[in-house]
Amino acid sequence: MNFKDLVSTLAREAGVSGGGSISTVDAAAGETARLVGWVRQAHVDIQRLWLDWKFLWQDFGLVTEAGKADYAAPLEWHWWDRDKAAIEGRSLRGSLVEYELWDGQTDDEPGTPGRVVIMPDGGLKLLPTPDGVYHLSLPFYRKPQVLTRDNDIPILPEAFHDAIWMRALLKYAFYESAPEVLQRVQAEYTDLIEALESHQLPNRHRYQLAQDADPIVVVPE
């Protein structure tokens, strides 16, 4: 569903006057504006439940320049996938450090970067300063998507788009003091979010929530 479809579904499920016939989310006013706002915020709320949703994962790499140690984070960056850091195919796992934990020491001579400091703004400082061209691979999880236009498609997998209008309907129910609506949607929304977590979180979360009858066998490396 796109943004307009979600707002229309919310209107229909909430039983508002003229529900299901939202023509556009642009320049909405009155009750329609509230519906638009609730859907927009509900989508952001769901994305914020976890930093490491699979649907927020983004591949990323950069090419270093000789003599340049500092590189800006991508505009959509929210959280680096530290375990996947590598330079020229060599893992940097364990070699990434937050700025707050960095001792401030740098290498005197340029060379092949072997450490990465994550700066407060998400930028990267490579140590030692690169002495040439290197390929750094460091995926990240993107910041929450914000729906703005009628045809904007939520980043959530399509099978779970209903969770957006359901969460928005919970906001409507609290606003309108409608306990019957709250009771009707709350359990269904919770089940759908648990299914989304099972499908879209890394294994350490998904295995916890999986309902498969088959046991999970862990094979040590």
C-alpha atoms as a PDB file:
ATOM      1  CA  MET A   1       0.000   0.000   0.000  1.00  0.00           C
ATOM      2  CA  ASN A   2       1.131   3.551  -0.609  1.00  0.00           C
ATOM      3  CA  PHE A   3       0.724   6.452   1.806  1.00  0.00           C
ATOM      4  CA  LYS A   4      -2.700   7.468   0.497  1.00  0.00           C
ATOM      5  CA  ASP A   5      -3.946   3.873   0.632  1.00  0.00           C
ATOM      6  CA  LEU A   6      -2.866   3.587   4.251  1.00  0.00           C
ATOM      7  CA  VAL A   7      -4.678   6.784   5.217  1.00  0.00           C
ATOM      8  CA  SER A   8      -7.799   5.646   3.349  1.00  0.00           C
ATOM      9  CA  THR A   9      -7.701   2.280   5.122  1.00  0.00           C
ATOM     10  CA  LEU A  10      -7.332   4.011   8.483  1.00  0.00           C
ATOM     11  CA  ALA A  11     -10.322   6.222   7.712  1.00  0.00           C
ATOM     12  CA  ARG A  12     -12.412   3.211   6.744  1.00  0.00           C
ATOM     13  CA  GLU A  13     -11.392   1.140   9.770  1.00  0.00           C
ATOM     14  CA  ALA A  14     -11.995   4.081  12.116  1.00  0.00           C
ATOM     15  CA  GLY A  15     -15.439   4.630  10.609  1.00  0.00           C
ATOM     16  CA  VAL A  16     -14.915   8.343  10.098  1.00  0.00           C
ATOM     17  CA  SER A  17     -17.326  10.297   7.922  1.00  0.00           C
ATOM     18  CA  GLY A  18     -16.518   9.644   4.269  1.00  0.00           C
ATOM     19  CA  GLY A  19     -13.971   7.045   5.312  1.00  0.00           C
ATOM     20  CA  GLY A  20     -12.142   5.184   2.582  1.00  0.00           C
ATOM     21  CA  SER A  21     -12.311   8.026   0.064  1.00  0.00           C
ATOM     22  CA  ILE A  22      -9.223  10.089   0.878  1.00  0.00           C
ATOM     23  CA  SER A  23      -8.275  11.830  -2.366  1.00  0.00           C
ATOM     24  CA  THR A  24      -4.810  13.060  -1.366  1.00  0.00           C
ATOM     25  CA  VAL A  25      -2.575  13.462   1.677  1.00  0.00           C
ATOM     26  CA  ASP A  26      -1.362  16.847   0.452  1.00  0.00           C
ATOM     27  CA  ALA A  27      -2.745  19.922   2.197  1.00  0.00           C
ATOM     28  CA  ALA A  28      -5.042  17.765   4.333  1.00  0.00           C
ATOM     29  CA  ALA A  29      -7.057  19.640   6.954  1.00  0.00           C
ATOM     30  CA  GLY A  30      -9.151  18.868  10.000  1.00  0.00           C
ATOM     31  CA  GLU A  31      -9.806  15.219  10.759  1.00  0.00           C
ATOM     32  CA  THR A  32      -8.090  14.089   7.559  1.00  0.00           C
ATOM     33  CA  ALA A  33      -4.921  15.885   8.641  1.00  0.00           C
ATOM     34  CA  ARG A  34      -4.989  13.963  11.910  1.00  0.00           C
ATOM     35  CA  LEU A  35      -5.339  10.675  10.039  1.00  0.00           C
ATOM     36  CA  VAL A  36      -2.417  11.579   7.779  1.00  0.00           C
ATOM     37  CA  GLY A  37      -0.281  12.507  10.772  1.00  0.00           C
ATOM     38  CA  TRP A  38      -1.123   9.324  12.659  1.00  0.00           C
ATOM     39  CA  VAL A  39      -0.190   7.122   9.702  1.00  0.00           C
ATOM     40  CA  ARG A  40       3.060   9.011   9.117  1.00  0.00           C
ATOM     41  CA  GLN A  41       4.026   8.753  12.788  1.00  0.00           C
ATOM     42  CA  ALA A  42       2.936   5.115  13.087  1.00  0.00           C
ATOM     43  CA  HIS A  43       5.283   4.184  10.236  1.00  0.00           C
ATOM     44  CA  VAL A  44       8.189   5.980  11.944  1.00  0.00           C
ATOM     45  CA  ASP A  45       7.297   4.407  15.305  1.00  0.00           C
ATOM     46  CA  ILE A  46       7.533   0.887  13.892  1.00  0.00           C
ATOM     47  CA  GLN A  47      10.906   1.583  12.280  1.00  0.00           C
ATOM     48  CA  ARG A  48      12.198   2.906  15.603  1.00  0.00           C
ATOM     49  CA  LEU A  49      11.315  -0.255  17.500  1.00  0.00           C
ATOM     50  CA  TRP A  50      14.685  -1.726  16.505  1.00  0.00           C
ATOM     51  CA  LEU A  51      17.888  -0.259  15.070  1.00  0.00           C
ATOM     52  CA  ASP A  52      18.721  -3.388  13.108  1.00  0.00           C
ATOM     53  CA  TRP A  53      15.609  -4.199  11.104  1.00  0.00           C
ATOM     54  CA  LYS A  54      16.719  -6.031   7.978  1.00  0.00           C
ATOM     55  CA  PHE A  55      14.638  -3.708   5.799  1.00  0.00           C
ATOM     56  CA  LEU A  56      16.712  -0.761   7.062  1.00  0.00           C
ATOM     57  CA  TRP A  57      20.035  -2.374   6.102  1.00  0.00           C
ATOM     58  CA  GLN A  58      21.974  -0.614   3.347  1.00  0.00           C
ATOM     59  CA  ASP A  59      25.161  -1.746   1.643  1.00  0.00           C
ATOM     60  CA  PHE A  60      27.859   0.927   1.566  1.00  0.00           C
ATOM     61  CA  GLY A  61      31.463   1.336   0.544  1.00  0.00           C
ATOM     62  CA  LEU A  62      33.916   4.107  -0.117  1.00  0.00           C
ATOM     63  CA  VAL A  63      37.239   4.553  -1.862  1.00  0.00           C
ATOM     64  CA  THR A  64      39.918   6.262   0.201  1.00  0.00           C
ATOM     65  CA  GLU A  65      42.183   9.062  -0.943  1.00  0.00           C
ATOM     66  CA  ALA A  66      45.850   9.298  -0.083  1.00  0.00           C
ATOM     67  CA  GLY A  67      46.349  11.699   2.809  1.00  0.00           C
ATOM     68  CA  LYS A  68      42.646  11.871   3.722  1.00  0.00           C
ATOM     69  CA  ALA A  69      41.606  10.292   7.030  1.00  0.00           C
ATOM     70  CA  ASP A  70      38.063  11.643   7.546  1.00  0.00           C
ATOM     71  CA  TYR A  71      34.959  10.591   5.589  1.00  0.00           C
ATOM     72  CA  ALA A  72      31.353  11.715   6.049  1.00  0.00           C
ATOM     73  CA  ALA A  73      28.512   9.323   6.791  1.00  0.00           C
ATOM     74  CA  PRO A  74      25.837   8.844   4.092  1.00  0.00           C
ATOM     75  CA  LEU A  75      22.795  11.117   4.385  1.00  0.00           C
ATOM     76  CA  GLU A  76      20.550   8.148   5.247  1.00  0.00           C
ATOM     77  CA  TRP A  77      22.951   6.753   7.863  1.00  0.00           C
ATOM     78  CA  HIS A  78      21.620   5.899  11.310  1.00  0.00           C
ATOM     79  CA  TRP A  79      23.787   3.045  12.642  1.00  0.00           C
ATOM     80  CA  TRP A  80      26.870   1.283  11.279  1.00  0.00           C
ATOM     81  CA  ASP A  81      26.830  -2.505  10.868  1.00  0.00           C
ATOM     82  CA  ARG A  82      30.139  -2.886  12.673  1.00  0.00           C
ATOM     83  CA  ASP A  83      30.524  -6.643  12.223  1.00  0.00           C
ATOM     84  CA  LYS A  84      30.655  -6.262   8.435  1.00  0.00           C
ATOM     85  CA  ALA A  85      33.446  -3.670   8.249  1.00  0.00           C
ATOM     86  CA  ALA A  86      36.277  -4.636   5.910  1.00  0.00           C
ATOM     87  CA  ILE A  87      39.045  -2.945   3.954  1.00  0.00           C
ATOM     88  CA  GLU A  88      40.322  -4.564   0.779  1.00  0.00           C
ATOM     89  CA  GLY A  89      38.349  -7.644   1.825  1.00  0.00           C
ATOM     90  CA  ARG A  90      40.094  -7.895   5.207  1.00  0.00           C
ATOM     91  CA  SER A  91      37.730  -7.815   8.183  1.00  0.00           C
ATOM     92  CA  LEU A  92      37.924  -4.844  10.543  1.00  0.00           C
ATOM     93  CA  ARG A  93      35.644  -6.488  13.069  1.00  0.00           C
ATOM     94  CA  GLY A  94      36.759  -5.419  16.508  1.00  0.00           C
ATOM     95  CA  SER A  95      38.728  -2.500  15.077  1.00  0.00           C
ATOM     96  CA  LEU A  96      35.880   0.026  15.126  1.00  0.00           C
ATOM     97  CA  VAL A  97      35.719   2.289  18.163  1.00  0.00           C
ATOM     98  CA  GLU A  98      33.299   5.017  19.187  1.00  0.00           C
ATOM     99  CA  TYR A  99      34.797   8.507  19.460  1.00  0.00           C
ATOM    100  CA  GLU A 100      34.049   8.564  23.202  1.00  0.00           C
ATOM    101  CA  LEU A 101      36.243   5.494  23.701  1.00  0.00           C
ATOM    102  CA  TRP A 102      39.051   6.596  21.412  1.00  0.00           C
ATOM    103  CA  ASP A 103      42.268   7.466  23.185  1.00  0.00           C
ATOM    104  CA  GLY A 104      43.037  10.174  20.640  1.00  0.00           C
ATOM    105  CA  GLN A 105      46.189   8.516  19.440  1.00  0.00           C
ATOM    106  CA  THR A 106      46.974   8.550  15.725  1.00  0.00           C
ATOM    107  CA  ASP A 107      49.679   6.863  13.704  1.00  0.00           C
ATOM    108  CA  ASP A 108      52.641   8.995  12.726  1.00  0.00           C
ATOM    109  CA  GLU A 109      53.053   7.506   9.269  1.00  0.00           C
ATOM    110  CA  PRO A 110      50.342   6.989   6.611  1.00  0.00           C
ATOM    111  CA  GLY A 111      49.670   3.401   5.661  1.00  0.00           C
ATOM    112  CA  THR A 112      46.949   0.782   5.221  1.00  0.00           C
ATOM    113  CA  PRO A 113      44.060   1.685   7.556  1.00  0.00           C
ATOM    114  CA  GLY A 114      43.550  -0.872  10.287  1.00  0.00           C
ATOM    115  CA  ARG A 115      41.336   1.065  12.724  1.00  0.00           C
ATOM    116  CA  VAL A 116      38.194   3.135  12.298  1.00  0.00           C
ATOM    117  CA  VAL A 117      36.944   5.753  14.748  1.00  0.00           C
ATOM    118  CA  ILE A 118      33.204   6.482  14.545  1.00  0.00           C
ATOM    119  CA  MET A 119      32.880  10.215  15.088  1.00  0.00           C
ATOM    120  CA  PRO A 120      29.948  11.820  16.958  1.00  0.00           C
ATOM    121  CA  ASP A 121      28.214  12.749  13.686  1.00  0.00           C
ATOM    122  CA  GLY A 122      28.623   9.221  12.284  1.00  0.00           C
ATOM    123  CA  GLY A 123      31.597  10.124  10.133  1.00  0.00           C
ATOM    124  CA  LEU A 124      34.623   7.832   9.941  1.00  0.00           C
ATOM    125  CA  LYS A 125      38.243   8.534  10.808  1.00  0.00           C
ATOM    126  CA  LEU A 126      40.625   5.955   9.324  1.00  0.00           C
ATOM    127  CA  LEU A 127      43.848   5.150  11.141  1.00  0.00           C
ATOM    128  CA  PRO A 128      46.513   5.331  10.007  1.00  0.00           C
ATOM    129  CA  THR A 129      45.731   7.952   7.396  1.00  0.00           C
ATOM    130  CA  PRO A 130      45.489   6.117   4.045  1.00  0.00           C
ATOM    131  CA  ASP A 131      48.636   6.267   1.970  1.00  0.00           C
ATOM    132  CA  GLY A 132      46.750   5.432  -1.198  1.00  0.00           C
ATOM    133  CA  VAL A 133      43.515   4.083  -2.642  1.00  0.00           C
ATOM    134  CA  TYR A 134      41.739   1.444  -0.558  1.00  0.00           C
ATOM    135  CA  HIS A 135      38.209   0.036  -0.734  1.00  0.00           C
ATOM    136  CA  LEU A 136      36.370   0.225   2.587  1.00  0.00           C
ATOM    137  CA  SER A 137      33.146  -1.747   2.985  1.00  0.00           C
ATOM    138  CA  LEU A 138      30.903  -0.766   5.893  1.00  0.00           C
ATOM    139  CA  PRO A 139      27.126  -1.326   5.565  1.00  0.00           C
ATOM    140  CA  PHE A 140      24.740   0.663   7.706  1.00  0.00           C
ATOM    141  CA  TYR A 141      21.157   0.781   8.924  1.00  0.00           C
ATOM    142  CA  ARG A 142      19.314   3.775   7.538  1.00  0.00           C
ATOM    143  CA  LYS A 143      17.332   6.355   9.474  1.00  0.00           C
ATOM    144  CA  PRO A 144      13.527   5.962   9.526  1.00  0.00           C
ATOM    145  CA  GLN A 145      11.763   6.726   6.258  1.00  0.00           C
ATOM    146  CA  VAL A 146       9.148   9.485   6.482  1.00  0.00           C
ATOM    147  CA  LEU A 147       6.127   9.251   4.180  1.00  0.00           C
ATOM    148  CA  THR A 148       5.217  12.543   2.522  1.00  0.00           C
ATOM    149  CA  ARG A 149       3.529  11.999  -0.854  1.00  0.00           C
ATOM    150  CA  ASP A 150       0.465  10.034  -1.958  1.00  0.00           C
ATOM    151  CA  ASN A 151       2.480   7.396  -3.809  1.00  0.00           C
ATOM    152  CA  ASP A 152       5.261   6.933  -1.235  1.00  0.00           C
ATOM    153  CA  ILE A 153       5.667   3.227  -0.480  1.00  0.00           C
ATOM    154  CA  PRO A 154       6.646   2.243   3.089  1.00  0.00           C
ATOM    155  CA  ILE A 155      10.028   0.614   3.442  1.00  0.00           C
ATOM    156  CA  LEU A 156       8.483  -2.178   5.511  1.00  0.00           C
ATOM    157  CA  PRO A 157       7.917  -5.423   3.563  1.00  0.00           C
ATOM    158  CA  GLU A 158       4.534  -5.216   1.842  1.00  0.00           C
ATOM    159  CA  ALA A 159       3.136  -8.200   3.745  1.00  0.00           C
ATOM    160  CA  PHE A 160       3.341  -6.138   6.942  1.00  0.00           C
ATOM    161  CA  HIS A 161       1.972  -2.802   5.725  1.00  0.00           C
ATOM    162  CA  ASP A 162      -1.239  -3.424   7.676  1.00  0.00           C
ATOM    163  CA  ALA A 163       0.745  -2.909  10.880  1.00  0.00           C
ATOM    164  CA  ILE A 164       1.073   0.780   9.963  1.00  0.00           C
ATOM    165  CA  TRP A 165      -2.609   1.618   9.775  1.00  0.00           C
ATOM    166  CA  MET A 166      -3.262  -0.632  12.793  1.00  0.00           C
ATOM    167  CA  ARG A 167      -0.804   1.357  14.908  1.00  0.00           C
ATOM    168  CA  ALA A 168      -2.342   4.553  13.578  1.00  0.00           C
ATOM    169  CA  LEU A 169      -5.768   3.209  14.539  1.00  0.00           C
ATOM    170  CA  LEU A 170      -4.518   2.724  18.093  1.00  0.00           C
ATOM    171  CA  LYS A 171      -3.560   6.404  18.126  1.00  0.00           C
ATOM    172  CA  TYR A 172      -7.042   7.275  16.852  1.00  0.00           C
ATOM    173  CA  ALA A 173      -8.654   5.118  19.529  1.00  0.00           C
ATOM    174  CA  PHE A 174      -6.735   6.869  22.316  1.00  0.00           C
ATOM    175  CA  TYR A 175      -7.514  10.286  20.852  1.00  0.00           C
ATOM    176  CA  GLU A 176     -11.226   9.553  20.483  1.00  0.00           C
ATOM    177  CA  SER A 177     -11.455   7.567  23.750  1.00  0.00           C
ATOM    178  CA  ALA A 178     -12.850   4.608  21.786  1.00  0.00           C
ATOM    179  CA  PRO A 179     -12.126   1.482  23.889  1.00  0.00           C
ATOM    180  CA  GLU A 180     -14.077  -0.758  21.526  1.00  0.00           C
ATOM    181  CA  VAL A 181     -11.748   0.179  18.648  1.00  0.00           C
ATOM    182  CA  LEU A 182      -8.701  -0.196  20.879  1.00  0.00           C
ATOM    183  CA  GLN A 183      -9.725  -3.672  21.996  1.00  0.00           C
ATOM    184  CA  ARG A 184     -10.521  -4.782  18.442  1.00  0.00           C
ATOM    185  CA  VAL A 185      -7.150  -3.888  16.925  1.00  0.00           C
ATOM    186  CA  GLN A 186      -4.655  -4.185  19.792  1.00  0.00           C
ATOM    187  CA  ALA A 187      -4.236  -7.968  19.791  1.00  0.00           C
ATOM    188  CA  GLU A 188      -4.103  -8.193  15.995  1.00  0.00           C
ATOM    189  CA  TYR A 189      -1.503  -5.418  15.825  1.00  0.00           C
ATOM    190  CA  THR A 190       0.662  -7.119  18.456  1.00  0.00           C
ATOM    191  CA  ASP A 191       0.569 -10.415  16.548  1.00  0.00           C
ATOM    192  CA  LEU A 192       1.552  -8.692  13.297  1.00  0.00           C
ATOM    193  CA  ILE A 193       4.470  -6.858  14.923  1.00  0.00           C
ATOM    194  CA  GLU A 194       5.738 -10.129  16.407  1.00  0.00           C
ATOM    195  CA  ALA A 195       5.544 -11.693  12.943  1.00  0.00           C
ATOM    196  CA  LEU A 196       7.461  -8.724  11.498  1.00  0.00           C
ATOM    197  CA  GLU A 197      10.138  -9.103  14.185  1.00  0.00           C
ATOM    198  CA  SER A 198      10.411 -12.806  13.464  1.00  0.00           C
ATOM    199  CA  HIS A 199      10.855 -12.105   9.754  1.00  0.00           C
ATOM    200  CA  GLN A 200      12.994  -8.972   9.789  1.00  0.00           C
ATOM    201  CA  LEU A 201      15.301  -9.072  12.808  1.00  0.00           C
ATOM    202  CA  PRO A 202      18.730 -10.729  12.890  1.00  0.00           C
ATOM    203  CA  ASN A 203      18.913 -14.341  13.984  1.00  0.00           C
ATOM    204  CA  ARG A 204      19.425 -13.609  17.655  1.00  0.00           C
ATOM    205  CA  HIS A 205      15.960 -12.075  17.721  1.00  0.00           C
ATOM    206  CA  ARG A 206      14.215 -14.174  15.084  1.00  0.00           C
ATOM    207  CA  TYR A 207      15.070 -17.488  16.695  1.00  0.00           C
ATOM    208  CA  GLN A 208      13.625 -16.278  19.969  1.00  0.00           C
ATOM    209  CA  LEU A 209      10.273 -15.520  18.360  1.00  0.00           C
ATOM    210  CA  ALA A 210      10.077 -18.304  15.792  1.00  0.00           C
ATOM    211  CA  GLN A 211       7.196 -20.748  16.192  1.00  0.00           C
ATOM    212  CA  ASP A 212       8.751 -23.537  14.131  1.00  0.00           C
ATOM    213  CA  ALA A 213       8.358 -26.981  15.637  1.00  0.00           C
ATOM    214  CA  ASP A 214      11.778 -28.098  14.402  1.00  0.00           C
ATOM    215  CA  PRO A 215      14.587 -27.517  16.884  1.00  0.00           C
ATOM    216  CA  ILE A 216      17.335 -25.053  16.043  1.00  0.00           C
ATOM    217  CA  VAL A 217      20.758 -26.612  15.812  1.00  0.00           C
ATOM    218  CA  VAL A 218      23.714 -24.331  16.458  1.00  0.00           C
ATOM    219  CA  VAL A 219      26.920 -25.469  14.779  1.00  0.00           C
ATOM    220  CA  PRO A 220      30.021 -23.856  16.343  1.00  0.00           C
ATOM    221  CA  GLU A 221      32.520 -22.313  13.943  1.00  0.00           C
END
